[in-house]
């Protein structure tokens, strides 16, 4: 069954009968599975997981000509599916559970949009303007390598740090390395038309949440240059405001570098993060990617704490069937005054298959 037929079948099952001239729709998505091995200094374990750096998902996208001055209208529906989340796994159930847990189908996007020469207006559940600022400029080829997305804790987020005698230190990898980025929520968003290499977006969300961001995407002497800077004010979850930026260059021979910084004012520890990544891509259509990275978060878990992590990874794309194979190693370290905490080490091997 091709994508168009599948889209019609899904629309018929989930919606009221459509008019004969309904906008065209397409179905896409991917399944991402991995084997993860983690060692917390006193014990180790392996798991078969859904890779939460890019959660398995199903997407239905529709668009069509509005018939008014070249304007278009469209919709996006996207659901995530996860069995044994890589971000929730523990070691031998020592945190009270034996696996990362299944995540019931969760709504990632439910939005409609109108676009034209004047820009694009989006309404519904989706990304705020600030979302993705931390990794927008990354041109390394794969988020499954070392990467800042989701705070570098997508493959061991539920694992507890341990003290030298094996006792739980009271902190997990996910708590120490949560990303300082935006998110998806119900909002109305405006994206400006491109002003040369520049773009601007602003959104207003429920419960006094808003964000604004500017992007740059251009070529210079054969190199691809990308950058994003943004600000978010969020009165939910206790309230905070934050700003961040990322910048990256992909040189013509395949070498790439990415840097990112973010700072949050939450009325408490006021954490900040710094990230740098060095990578190289090669082969036909740059199907091979290798990278090493480093991230440091200050005051993330407690005032004066320092969370540092480094990782190295490799990915290979098989273009025809849209398959990506990946593997990587990561070390997580948490320093808190008065505590002697062991590092956590993790290794993953997986594949993402798109359709």
Protein backbone atom coordinates (compact mmCIF):
# COMPACT_ATOMS: atom_id res chain seq x y z
CA UNK A 1 0.00 0.00 0.00
CA UNK A 2 1.58 3.31 -1.06
CA UNK A 3 1.67 6.38 1.13
CA UNK A 4 -1.26 8.15 -0.58
CA UNK A 5 -3.56 5.15 -0.20
CA UNK A 6 -2.52 4.71 3.42
CA UNK A 7 -3.23 8.39 4.10
CA UNK A 8 -6.73 8.06 2.63
CA UNK A 9 -7.36 4.96 4.75
CA UNK A 10 -6.27 6.72 7.96
CA UNK A 11 -8.34 9.80 7.14
CA UNK A 12 -11.41 7.69 6.49
CA UNK A 13 -11.00 5.84 9.77
CA UNK A 14 -10.36 8.89 11.97
CA UNK A 15 -12.47 11.63 10.43
CA UNK A 16 -15.89 12.34 9.03
CA UNK A 17 -16.34 11.74 5.28
CA UNK A 18 -14.27 14.22 3.32
CA UNK A 19 -15.28 16.25 0.34
CA UNK A 20 -14.07 14.99 -3.00
CA UNK A 21 -11.66 17.91 -3.27
CA UNK A 22 -9.93 17.41 0.12
CA UNK A 23 -6.32 18.55 0.28
CA UNK A 24 -3.70 15.94 -0.55
CA UNK A 25 -2.11 14.10 2.37
CA UNK A 26 0.97 11.96 2.85
CA UNK A 27 2.04 9.54 5.55
CA UNK A 28 5.58 9.24 6.90
CA UNK A 29 7.48 8.43 10.06
CA UNK A 30 10.15 6.10 11.40
CA UNK A 31 10.95 3.35 13.87
CA UNK A 32 14.10 3.78 15.96
CA UNK A 33 15.38 0.83 18.00
CA UNK A 34 18.69 0.33 19.80
CA UNK A 35 20.62 -1.90 22.18
CA UNK A 36 22.01 0.06 25.13
CA UNK A 37 24.66 -1.00 27.66
CA UNK A 38 25.16 1.14 30.81
CA UNK A 39 27.59 0.90 33.75
CA UNK A 40 27.14 3.09 36.86
CA UNK A 41 30.43 2.13 38.56
CA UNK A 42 29.03 -0.70 40.70
CA UNK A 43 26.70 -2.57 38.33
CA UNK A 44 25.87 -2.78 34.64
CA UNK A 45 22.95 -3.83 32.46
CA UNK A 46 21.80 -3.89 28.84
CA UNK A 47 18.39 -3.09 27.36
CA UNK A 48 16.50 -3.26 24.06
CA UNK A 49 15.02 0.22 23.76
CA UNK A 50 13.22 2.77 21.65
CA UNK A 51 15.81 5.48 20.98
CA UNK A 52 14.40 8.67 22.47
CA UNK A 53 16.91 10.93 20.71
CA UNK A 54 14.40 10.51 17.86
CA UNK A 55 11.33 8.72 19.16
CA UNK A 56 9.49 6.28 16.85
CA UNK A 57 6.59 8.17 15.26
CA UNK A 58 3.79 8.34 12.70
CA UNK A 59 3.04 11.54 10.79
CA UNK A 60 0.19 12.62 8.50
CA UNK A 61 0.74 15.86 6.58
CA UNK A 62 -1.77 17.55 4.27
CA UNK A 63 -1.45 20.69 2.16
CA UNK A 64 -3.15 22.40 -0.74
CA UNK A 65 -3.64 25.65 -2.64
CA UNK A 66 -6.16 27.93 -0.95
CA UNK A 67 -7.01 29.58 -4.27
CA UNK A 68 -6.36 33.07 -2.92
CA UNK A 69 -3.27 34.86 -4.19
CA UNK A 70 -0.99 31.84 -4.00
CA UNK A 71 -1.79 31.13 -0.37
CA UNK A 72 -1.56 27.57 0.93
CA UNK A 73 -3.31 25.75 3.76
CA UNK A 74 -2.07 22.66 5.52
CA UNK A 75 -2.28 20.37 8.52
CA UNK A 76 0.18 18.30 10.52
CA UNK A 77 -0.69 15.40 12.83
CA UNK A 78 2.13 13.45 14.50
CA UNK A 79 2.13 10.80 17.22
CA UNK A 80 5.07 9.27 19.08
CA UNK A 81 5.27 5.59 20.06
CA UNK A 82 7.79 4.13 22.49
CA UNK A 83 8.29 0.71 24.03
CA UNK A 84 10.96 0.68 26.75
CA UNK A 85 12.16 4.27 26.43
CA UNK A 86 15.95 4.65 26.31
CA UNK A 87 15.62 7.82 28.41
CA UNK A 88 13.95 5.92 31.26
CA UNK A 89 15.94 2.70 31.58
CA UNK A 90 17.60 1.73 34.88
CA UNK A 91 20.19 -0.86 35.89
CA UNK A 92 18.62 -4.13 37.09
CA UNK A 93 15.58 -2.28 38.40
CA UNK A 94 17.57 -0.59 41.17
CA UNK A 95 15.50 2.59 40.80
CA UNK A 96 12.28 0.71 41.45
CA UNK A 97 11.46 -0.34 37.90
CA UNK A 98 12.96 -2.88 35.52
CA UNK A 99 12.68 -0.97 32.26
CA UNK A 100 12.25 2.43 30.72
CA UNK A 101 8.50 1.86 30.51
CA UNK A 102 6.09 2.01 27.62
CA UNK A 103 4.84 5.42 26.56
CA UNK A 104 1.28 5.39 25.29
CA UNK A 105 0.86 7.08 21.90
CA UNK A 106 1.63 10.71 22.66
CA UNK A 107 0.62 13.70 20.58
CA UNK A 108 3.65 15.50 19.22
CA UNK A 109 1.97 17.80 16.70
CA UNK A 110 -1.64 18.76 15.96
CA UNK A 111 -1.68 21.97 13.98
CA UNK A 112 -2.87 23.77 10.89
CA UNK A 113 -1.21 26.54 8.96
CA UNK A 114 -1.79 29.23 6.36
CA UNK A 115 1.16 30.48 4.31
CA UNK A 116 1.94 32.90 1.54
CA UNK A 117 4.45 35.49 0.43
CA UNK A 118 3.77 37.27 3.73
CA UNK A 119 5.01 34.33 5.86
CA UNK A 120 3.32 31.50 7.72
CA UNK A 121 0.82 31.38 10.59
CA UNK A 122 0.53 28.13 12.55
CA UNK A 123 -2.14 27.30 15.15
CA UNK A 124 -2.32 24.26 17.42
CA UNK A 125 0.03 21.99 19.35
CA UNK A 126 3.59 22.22 18.07
CA UNK A 127 7.02 23.72 18.51
CA UNK A 128 7.44 27.17 19.99
CA UNK A 129 9.82 29.57 18.26
CA UNK A 130 12.56 28.82 20.81
CA UNK A 131 12.31 25.03 20.37
CA UNK A 132 15.41 23.52 18.79
CA UNK A 133 17.65 26.51 19.44
CA UNK A 134 20.19 24.26 21.17
CA UNK A 135 20.80 22.06 18.12
CA UNK A 136 19.47 24.02 15.12
CA UNK A 137 22.98 24.70 13.81
CA UNK A 138 24.22 21.09 14.10
CA UNK A 139 25.14 19.81 10.63
CA UNK A 140 26.96 16.71 11.84
CA UNK A 141 24.58 14.31 10.12
CA UNK A 142 22.96 12.45 13.02
CA UNK A 143 21.50 13.20 16.44
CA UNK A 144 22.47 9.65 17.42
CA UNK A 145 26.12 10.57 17.55
CA UNK A 146 27.23 12.72 20.41
CA UNK A 147 24.59 15.44 20.61
CA UNK A 148 23.00 18.13 22.75
CA UNK A 149 19.43 17.15 21.88
CA UNK A 150 17.52 16.27 25.06
CA UNK A 151 20.54 17.06 27.18
CA UNK A 152 22.71 14.12 26.02
CA UNK A 153 20.70 11.84 28.36
CA UNK A 154 18.44 10.10 25.86
CA UNK A 155 20.13 6.71 26.27
CA UNK A 156 20.52 6.57 30.06
CA UNK A 157 18.28 9.23 31.56
CA UNK A 158 16.80 7.01 34.28
CA UNK A 159 20.14 5.63 35.52
CA UNK A 160 21.06 6.79 39.02
CA UNK A 161 24.48 8.12 39.88
CA UNK A 162 26.19 6.10 42.65
CA UNK A 163 28.65 7.00 45.36
CA UNK A 164 31.96 5.19 45.75
CA UNK A 165 30.35 2.63 48.10
CA UNK A 166 27.55 1.87 45.63
CA UNK A 167 24.77 3.82 47.35
CA UNK A 168 22.36 5.94 45.30
CA UNK A 169 23.58 9.55 45.18
CA UNK A 170 20.06 10.96 44.80
CA UNK A 171 20.52 12.15 41.21
CA UNK A 172 19.86 10.53 37.84
CA UNK A 173 21.57 11.19 34.53
CA UNK A 174 18.37 12.76 33.19
CA UNK A 175 18.10 15.13 36.15
CA UNK A 176 21.73 16.24 35.86
CA UNK A 177 21.69 16.69 32.08
CA UNK A 178 18.21 17.96 31.17
CA UNK A 179 18.47 20.28 28.20
CA UNK A 180 17.89 24.04 28.39
CA UNK A 181 15.80 24.19 25.24
CA UNK A 182 12.24 24.99 24.24
CA UNK A 183 9.40 22.56 23.62
CA UNK A 184 6.03 21.80 22.05
CA UNK A 185 2.80 23.23 23.44
CA UNK A 186 -0.48 24.83 22.30
CA UNK A 187 0.31 28.13 20.65
CA UNK A 188 -0.18 30.44 17.74
CA UNK A 189 3.04 31.08 15.83
CA UNK A 190 4.19 33.38 13.05
CA UNK A 191 7.22 32.71 10.82
CA UNK A 192 8.36 35.57 8.62
CA UNK A 193 9.33 35.08 4.98
CA UNK A 194 13.05 34.70 4.48
CA UNK A 195 14.85 38.03 4.42
CA UNK A 196 17.83 36.80 2.44
CA UNK A 197 19.53 34.29 4.78
CA UNK A 198 17.55 35.47 7.82
CA UNK A 199 14.28 34.30 9.33
CA UNK A 200 12.27 35.36 12.38
CA UNK A 201 9.63 33.46 14.38
CA UNK A 202 7.45 34.40 17.35
CA UNK A 203 4.77 32.48 19.23
CA UNK A 204 2.27 33.00 22.02
CA UNK A 205 1.32 29.94 24.05
CA UNK A 206 -1.21 29.08 26.72
CA UNK A 207 -0.66 30.19 30.33
CA UNK A 208 1.57 33.16 29.64
CA UNK A 209 4.24 31.41 27.61
CA UNK A 210 5.90 33.02 24.61
CA UNK A 211 9.16 32.88 22.69
CA UNK A 212 10.96 34.56 19.82
CA UNK A 213 13.89 33.42 17.69
CA UNK A 214 15.97 34.46 14.69
CA UNK A 215 17.78 32.09 12.32
CA UNK A 216 20.60 32.40 9.81
CA UNK A 217 21.25 29.93 6.99
CA UNK A 218 23.75 30.78 4.27
CA UNK A 219 26.78 29.66 2.25
CA UNK A 220 30.22 31.18 2.49
CA UNK A 221 33.26 30.09 0.45
CA UNK A 222 31.72 26.67 -0.09
CA UNK A 223 30.83 26.22 3.58
CA UNK A 224 27.30 25.94 4.97
CA UNK A 225 26.73 28.28 7.92
CA UNK A 226 23.75 28.08 10.28
CA UNK A 227 22.92 29.92 13.50
CA UNK A 228 19.93 30.52 15.77
CA UNK A 229 19.35 32.76 18.77
CA UNK A 230 16.19 32.92 20.84
CA UNK A 231 14.44 33.90 24.05
CA UNK A 232 11.59 32.24 25.95
CA UNK A 233 9.43 33.34 28.88
CA UNK A 234 7.48 30.50 30.50
CA UNK A 235 5.19 31.13 33.48
CA UNK A 236 4.40 27.38 33.77
CA UNK A 237 6.29 24.88 35.94
CA UNK A 238 7.21 27.44 38.58
CA UNK A 239 8.15 30.05 35.99
CA UNK A 240 11.43 30.79 34.23
CA UNK A 241 12.88 32.70 31.33
CA UNK A 242 15.85 31.68 29.24
CA UNK A 243 17.87 32.54 26.19
CA UNK A 244 20.15 30.47 24.02
CA UNK A 245 22.06 30.32 20.78
CA UNK A 246 23.80 27.81 18.54
CA UNK A 247 26.11 28.23 15.55
CA UNK A 248 27.58 25.67 13.20
CA UNK A 249 29.71 25.37 10.07
CA UNK A 250 29.87 22.46 7.61
CA UNK A 251 32.96 22.87 5.41
CA UNK A 252 33.00 21.67 1.83
CA UNK A 253 35.24 18.67 2.60
CA UNK A 254 32.82 17.44 5.30
CA UNK A 255 34.40 18.68 8.53
CA UNK A 256 31.87 20.39 10.79
CA UNK A 257 31.82 22.17 14.14
CA UNK A 258 28.90 23.22 16.35
CA UNK A 259 28.79 25.37 19.49
CA UNK A 260 25.81 26.22 21.68
CA UNK A 261 25.12 28.14 24.88
CA UNK A 262 22.00 28.59 27.01
CA UNK A 263 21.21 30.38 30.25
CA UNK A 264 18.05 30.07 32.39
CA UNK A 265 16.72 32.29 35.18
CA UNK A 266 14.36 30.14 37.26
CA UNK A 267 14.58 31.95 40.59
CA UNK A 268 16.61 29.06 41.99
CA UNK A 269 19.91 27.62 40.80
CA UNK A 270 19.79 29.52 37.45
CA UNK A 271 21.58 26.83 35.38
CA UNK A 272 23.58 27.41 32.21
CA UNK A 273 25.03 25.10 29.56
CA UNK A 274 27.88 25.11 27.06
CA UNK A 275 28.25 22.62 24.21
CA UNK A 276 30.81 21.96 21.46
CA UNK A 277 30.90 19.26 18.80
CA UNK A 278 33.51 18.39 16.15
CA UNK A 279 32.58 16.01 13.35
CA UNK A 280 33.35 14.83 9.83
CA UNK A 281 31.12 13.50 7.04
CA UNK A 282 32.32 11.64 3.97
CA UNK A 283 31.38 9.23 1.19
CA UNK A 284 28.78 9.60 -1.59
CA UNK A 285 26.22 12.17 -0.42
CA UNK A 286 28.10 12.19 2.92
CA UNK A 287 26.52 8.95 4.09
CA UNK A 288 29.14 8.46 6.83
CA UNK A 289 29.35 10.64 9.94
CA UNK A 290 31.70 10.60 12.90
CA UNK A 291 31.73 13.11 15.77
CA UNK A 292 32.99 13.82 19.26
CA UNK A 293 31.41 16.32 21.64
CA UNK A 294 31.49 17.85 25.11
CA UNK A 295 28.79 19.48 27.24
CA UNK A 296 28.98 21.26 30.59
CA UNK A 297 25.98 22.34 32.67
CA UNK A 298 26.61 24.51 35.70
CA UNK A 299 24.16 24.63 38.64
CA UNK A 300 21.79 22.21 36.90
CA UNK A 301 21.28 19.80 39.81
CA UNK A 302 22.28 22.05 42.72
CA UNK A 303 23.92 25.41 43.30
CA UNK A 304 27.61 24.97 42.53
CA UNK A 305 27.15 21.60 40.82
CA UNK A 306 28.89 20.78 37.54
CA UNK A 307 27.55 18.19 35.09
CA UNK A 308 29.95 17.27 32.29
CA UNK A 309 29.69 14.70 29.54
CA UNK A 310 31.60 13.71 26.45
CA UNK A 311 30.73 11.27 23.70
CA UNK A 312 31.88 9.84 20.41
CA UNK A 313 29.80 8.19 17.72
CA UNK A 314 29.50 6.95 14.15
CA UNK A 315 26.52 6.77 11.78
CA UNK A 316 26.01 5.36 8.29
CA UNK A 317 23.07 6.18 6.00
CA UNK A 318 21.71 3.70 3.47
CA UNK A 319 19.90 6.17 1.17
CA UNK A 320 17.67 3.83 -0.87
CA UNK A 321 15.52 2.35 1.92
CA UNK A 322 16.14 5.38 4.20
CA UNK A 323 17.98 3.43 6.88
CA UNK A 324 20.46 4.90 9.34
CA UNK A 325 22.77 2.69 11.40
CA UNK A 326 24.48 4.25 14.41
CA UNK A 327 26.67 3.48 17.39
CA UNK A 328 28.27 5.55 20.13
CA UNK A 329 29.83 5.80 23.57
CA UNK A 330 29.13 8.43 26.25
CA UNK A 331 30.51 9.27 29.70
CA UNK A 332 28.50 11.28 32.27
CA UNK A 333 30.12 12.95 35.30
CA UNK A 334 28.42 14.84 38.15
CA UNK A 335 30.37 16.93 40.65
CA UNK A 336 28.59 18.19 43.77
CA UNK A 337 30.36 19.62 46.81
CA UNK A 338 30.77 17.05 49.59
CA UNK A 339 29.82 14.05 47.44
CA UNK A 340 32.08 11.41 45.88
CA UNK A 341 30.06 10.30 42.85
CA UNK A 342 31.10 7.70 40.26
CA UNK A 343 30.81 8.34 36.53
CA UNK A 344 28.20 6.60 34.39
CA UNK A 345 29.27 5.08 31.06
CA UNK A 346 26.98 4.06 28.22
CA UNK A 347 27.21 2.42 24.79
CA UNK A 348 24.49 2.17 22.16
CA UNK A 349 24.03 0.37 18.85
CA UNK A 350 20.90 0.95 16.81
CA UNK A 351 19.03 1.70 13.59
CA UNK A 352 16.37 4.15 12.44
CA UNK A 353 14.20 3.07 9.50
CA UNK A 354 12.10 5.76 7.81
CA UNK A 355 9.01 5.32 5.66
